[in-house]
């Protein structure tokens, strides 16, 4: 362990020197304070002030809360007694038997006199009934109703007819309208496609017939005929 170090006290001459220094320092501070004179303050003329007493605005009074009166709640009064309907309804009177009136029996009629016996006619000989001819059965005539005819614009198509303008006829400037009639079977396939009215050019008529044959129609399970024009126009 290290021994603690001690500070050696000042000598007497050193202590007197420190004390003299402190005294001189305080004396200098006192002389400096007494030698400095404060600068007098110049006080100018002060204008007179008028002071008025103004009553402060009082805040608006809050509305007084409503006075609540302690009213005791009404006592539960029992409902008035309602007489039971059963006591008011009287039981029905028992069914009384109908009155019996005496019925007098009519007097007996006298017996009618017996008529004299009539002579019986001779019995006819039994005859064989003639055979009744059977009703003639109506002859069944095979009559087939003509199919309904519709316009080509009235039916709906699964595959619409596409009209192909022949190149040769287009170059030649030929145009016209071909009237077509076709029988459509129940499956929607055109059959028996014919030309009702020609356009005047065989190639245009053949193109109209070919367009109708490639079409497929929604028939709803029934057969019918269609008719309509196919127009070839150079402006299209």
Protein backbone atom coordinates (compact mmCIF):
# COMPACT_ATOMS: atom_id res chain seq x y z
CA UNK A 1 0.00 0.00 0.00
CA UNK A 2 1.22 3.55 -0.83
CA UNK A 3 1.45 6.08 2.03
CA UNK A 4 -0.76 9.22 1.70
CA UNK A 5 0.98 12.46 0.71
CA UNK A 6 0.61 15.53 2.96
CA UNK A 7 0.70 19.20 1.90
CA UNK A 8 3.27 21.18 3.81
CA UNK A 9 1.90 24.38 5.49
CA UNK A 10 3.03 27.83 4.22
CA UNK A 11 5.72 29.64 6.03
CA UNK A 12 4.92 32.66 8.13
CA UNK A 13 6.38 35.16 5.64
CA UNK A 14 4.36 33.65 2.80
CA UNK A 15 1.16 33.92 4.79
CA UNK A 16 1.85 37.63 5.48
CA UNK A 17 2.42 38.26 1.81
CA UNK A 18 -0.90 36.70 0.82
CA UNK A 19 -2.76 38.71 3.44
CA UNK A 20 -1.18 41.98 2.27
CA UNK A 21 -2.14 41.22 -1.33
CA UNK A 22 -5.81 40.65 -0.38
CA UNK A 23 -5.93 43.92 1.62
CA UNK A 24 -4.44 45.95 -1.25
CA UNK A 25 -6.93 44.42 -3.72
CA UNK A 26 -9.96 45.32 -1.61
CA UNK A 27 -8.67 48.87 -1.01
CA UNK A 28 -8.34 49.45 -4.79
CA UNK A 29 -11.88 48.29 -5.40
CA UNK A 30 -13.23 50.66 -2.71
CA UNK A 31 -11.36 53.65 -4.18
CA UNK A 32 -12.65 52.92 -7.67
CA UNK A 33 -16.22 52.84 -6.42
CA UNK A 34 -15.98 56.18 -4.59
CA UNK A 35 -14.15 58.05 -7.37
CA UNK A 36 -16.69 57.28 -10.14
CA UNK A 37 -19.63 59.76 -10.03
CA UNK A 38 -22.91 58.69 -11.63
CA UNK A 39 -24.20 60.82 -14.55
CA UNK A 40 -27.23 62.83 -13.51
CA UNK A 41 -30.40 61.82 -15.34
CA UNK A 42 -32.17 64.58 -17.27
CA UNK A 43 -35.82 64.58 -16.43
CA UNK A 44 -37.96 66.31 -19.02
CA UNK A 45 -41.38 67.76 -18.70
CA UNK A 46 -43.97 65.03 -18.31
CA UNK A 47 -47.24 65.64 -20.06
CA UNK A 48 -50.30 65.48 -17.95
CA UNK A 49 -52.36 62.32 -18.26
CA UNK A 50 -56.11 62.20 -18.00
CA UNK A 51 -57.43 59.16 -16.35
CA UNK A 52 -61.09 58.26 -16.66
CA UNK A 53 -62.89 55.49 -14.89
CA UNK A 54 -64.80 53.36 -17.36
CA UNK A 55 -67.11 50.74 -16.11
CA UNK A 56 -66.06 47.34 -17.29
CA UNK A 57 -68.46 45.54 -19.61
CA UNK A 58 -70.23 42.87 -17.75
CA UNK A 59 -70.40 39.50 -19.50
CA UNK A 60 -73.88 38.35 -20.49
CA UNK A 61 -75.57 36.42 -17.83
CA UNK A 62 -75.90 32.77 -18.47
CA UNK A 63 -79.50 31.56 -18.70
CA UNK A 64 -80.71 30.22 -15.48
CA UNK A 65 -81.25 26.49 -15.52
CA UNK A 66 -84.88 25.46 -15.50
CA UNK A 67 -86.26 24.74 -12.15
CA UNK A 68 -86.91 21.09 -11.78
CA UNK A 69 -89.75 20.27 -9.52
CA UNK A 70 -89.52 17.07 -7.68
CA UNK A 71 -92.79 15.50 -8.71
CA UNK A 72 -93.26 12.04 -7.40
CA UNK A 73 -93.95 9.50 -10.12
CA UNK A 74 -97.57 8.46 -10.42
CA UNK A 75 -98.43 5.39 -8.55
CA UNK A 76 -99.17 2.34 -10.61
CA UNK A 77 -102.90 2.02 -10.53
CA UNK A 78 -104.25 -1.41 -11.33
CA UNK A 79 -106.26 -1.59 -14.56
CA UNK A 80 -110.00 -1.68 -14.15
CA UNK A 81 -111.44 -5.06 -13.93
CA UNK A 82 -113.03 -6.15 -17.17
CA UNK A 83 -115.86 -8.57 -16.78
CA UNK A 84 -115.07 -11.84 -18.38
CA UNK A 85 -116.93 -12.56 -21.55
CA UNK A 86 -117.69 -16.07 -20.46
CA UNK A 87 -119.82 -14.78 -17.60
CA UNK A 88 -121.65 -12.38 -19.95
CA UNK A 89 -122.40 -14.98 -22.63
CA UNK A 90 -125.31 -17.16 -21.70
CA UNK A 91 -125.28 -20.77 -22.82
CA UNK A 92 -127.57 -21.49 -25.77
CA UNK A 93 -130.96 -22.88 -25.11
CA UNK A 94 -131.28 -26.60 -25.73
CA UNK A 95 -132.92 -27.59 -28.98
CA UNK A 96 -136.55 -28.27 -28.35
CA UNK A 97 -138.20 -31.04 -30.31
CA UNK A 98 -140.64 -29.85 -32.96
CA UNK A 99 -144.27 -29.97 -31.94
CA UNK A 100 -146.16 -33.03 -33.01
CA UNK A 101 -149.47 -32.52 -34.74
CA UNK A 102 -151.91 -35.39 -35.10
CA UNK A 103 -152.17 -36.63 -38.66
CA UNK A 104 -155.46 -38.02 -39.77
CA UNK A 105 -155.21 -40.98 -42.10
CA UNK A 106 -157.11 -40.50 -45.38
CA UNK A 107 -160.15 -42.66 -45.74
CA UNK A 108 -159.56 -45.85 -47.78
CA UNK A 109 -160.50 -45.60 -51.44
CA UNK A 110 -163.05 -48.02 -52.77
CA UNK A 111 -161.59 -50.75 -54.96
CA UNK A 112 -161.73 -49.94 -58.66
CA UNK A 113 -163.76 -52.27 -60.79
CA UNK A 114 -161.74 -54.74 -62.78
CA UNK A 115 -161.80 -54.14 -66.55
CA UNK A 116 -162.96 -56.98 -68.74
CA UNK A 117 -160.15 -59.08 -70.20
CA UNK A 118 -159.09 -58.02 -73.69
CA UNK A 119 -158.65 -60.61 -76.42
CA UNK A 120 -154.98 -61.25 -77.06
CA UNK A 121 -153.77 -60.84 -80.69
CA UNK A 122 -151.98 -63.75 -82.33
CA UNK A 123 -148.28 -63.84 -81.80
CA UNK A 124 -146.27 -62.93 -84.95
CA UNK A 125 -143.66 -65.28 -86.27
CA UNK A 126 -140.09 -64.19 -85.43
CA UNK A 127 -138.26 -62.67 -88.39
CA UNK A 128 -134.53 -62.49 -88.84
CA UNK A 129 -133.21 -58.95 -88.65
CA UNK A 130 -131.57 -57.72 -91.80
CA UNK A 131 -127.82 -57.12 -91.40
CA UNK A 132 -126.97 -53.46 -90.95
CA UNK A 133 -124.30 -52.37 -93.43
CA UNK A 134 -121.11 -51.07 -91.83
CA UNK A 135 -120.51 -47.33 -92.26
CA UNK A 136 -118.24 -46.59 -95.12
CA UNK A 137 -114.83 -45.42 -93.94
CA UNK A 138 -113.72 -42.05 -95.39
CA UNK A 139 -111.02 -42.43 -97.95
CA UNK A 140 -107.77 -40.93 -96.80
CA UNK A 141 -106.49 -38.65 -99.47
CA UNK A 142 -102.78 -37.92 -99.38
CA UNK A 143 -103.01 -34.18 -99.31
CA UNK A 144 -99.81 -32.36 -98.67
CA UNK A 145 -100.14 -28.76 -97.63
CA UNK A 146 -98.02 -26.35 -99.55
CA UNK A 147 -95.06 -25.10 -97.50
CA UNK A 148 -95.11 -21.54 -96.20
CA UNK A 149 -93.23 -19.00 -98.28
CA UNK A 150 -91.12 -16.36 -96.52
CA UNK A 151 -88.84 -13.62 -97.68
CA UNK A 152 -85.10 -14.13 -97.47
CA UNK A 153 -85.03 -11.07 -95.19
CA UNK A 154 -87.54 -12.59 -92.70
CA UNK A 155 -85.57 -15.71 -91.76
CA UNK A 156 -82.54 -16.01 -89.49
CA UNK A 157 -79.37 -17.62 -90.77
CA UNK A 158 -76.71 -19.79 -89.24
CA UNK A 159 -74.64 -19.07 -92.36
CA UNK A 160 -75.72 -16.02 -94.34
CA UNK A 161 -75.62 -16.11 -98.15
CA UNK A 162 -72.47 -14.42 -99.49
CA UNK A 163 -72.90 -12.97 -102.97
CA UNK A 164 -69.71 -13.21 -105.08
CA UNK A 165 -69.63 -10.83 -108.05
CA UNK A 166 -68.17 -12.64 -111.09
CA UNK A 167 -64.97 -10.95 -112.21
CA UNK A 168 -65.83 -11.23 -115.89
CA UNK A 169 -69.23 -9.59 -115.40
CA UNK A 170 -67.75 -6.83 -113.22
CA UNK A 171 -65.14 -6.01 -115.88
CA UNK A 172 -67.84 -5.98 -118.54
CA UNK A 173 -69.93 -3.62 -116.39
CA UNK A 174 -72.90 -5.97 -116.23
CA UNK A 175 -75.30 -5.52 -113.31
CA UNK A 176 -78.82 -6.62 -112.43
CA UNK A 177 -81.11 -8.39 -109.93
CA UNK A 178 -81.85 -12.12 -109.83
CA UNK A 179 -85.02 -13.33 -108.07
CA UNK A 180 -84.36 -16.65 -106.29
CA UNK A 181 -86.75 -19.24 -104.83
CA UNK A 182 -85.49 -22.08 -102.61
CA UNK A 183 -87.10 -24.85 -100.59
CA UNK A 184 -85.57 -25.10 -97.08
CA UNK A 185 -85.86 -28.50 -95.42
CA UNK A 186 -86.31 -29.01 -91.65
CA UNK A 187 -82.55 -29.14 -91.09
CA UNK A 188 -82.07 -25.68 -92.63
CA UNK A 189 -80.34 -26.76 -95.87
CA UNK A 190 -81.62 -25.05 -99.05
CA UNK A 191 -83.03 -27.48 -101.62
CA UNK A 192 -84.37 -26.94 -105.13
CA UNK A 193 -82.88 -23.48 -105.62
CA UNK A 194 -84.36 -21.99 -108.78
CA UNK A 195 -84.35 -18.65 -110.61
CA UNK A 196 -87.80 -17.01 -110.68
CA UNK A 197 -86.65 -13.93 -112.57
CA UNK A 198 -83.34 -13.64 -114.41
CA UNK A 199 -81.05 -10.64 -114.29
CA UNK A 200 -80.35 -11.05 -117.99
CA UNK A 201 -76.83 -12.43 -117.45
CA UNK A 202 -76.36 -16.19 -116.88
CA UNK A 203 -73.20 -15.74 -114.82
CA UNK A 204 -74.98 -13.39 -112.41
CA UNK A 205 -77.88 -15.88 -112.07
CA UNK A 206 -75.47 -18.74 -111.33
CA UNK A 207 -73.69 -16.66 -108.67
CA UNK A 208 -77.02 -15.92 -106.94
CA UNK A 209 -78.04 -19.60 -106.97
CA UNK A 210 -74.62 -20.64 -105.60
CA UNK A 211 -74.85 -18.08 -102.77
CA UNK A 212 -78.27 -19.40 -101.71
CA UNK A 213 -77.15 -23.04 -101.78
CA UNK A 214 -74.25 -22.31 -99.39
CA UNK A 215 -76.51 -20.58 -96.84
CA UNK A 216 -77.85 -22.35 -93.71
CA UNK A 217 -81.17 -21.27 -92.18
CA UNK A 218 -82.63 -21.60 -88.64
CA UNK A 219 -85.92 -23.41 -89.29
CA UNK A 220 -87.06 -24.46 -85.82
CA UNK A 221 -87.70 -28.00 -87.07
CA UNK A 222 -90.09 -27.09 -89.92
CA UNK A 223 -89.71 -26.80 -93.67
CA UNK A 224 -90.70 -23.77 -95.74
CA UNK A 225 -89.81 -21.87 -98.90
CA UNK A 226 -87.98 -18.58 -99.25
CA UNK A 227 -87.83 -16.10 -102.04
CA UNK A 228 -85.97 -12.86 -102.54
CA UNK A 229 -83.76 -10.74 -104.80
CA UNK A 230 -79.98 -10.87 -105.15
CA UNK A 231 -78.72 -7.57 -106.57
CA UNK A 232 -75.39 -7.11 -108.33
CA UNK A 233 -74.31 -3.48 -108.24
CA UNK A 234 -71.00 -2.16 -109.49
CA UNK A 235 -70.96 0.59 -106.84
CA UNK A 236 -70.62 -1.97 -104.03
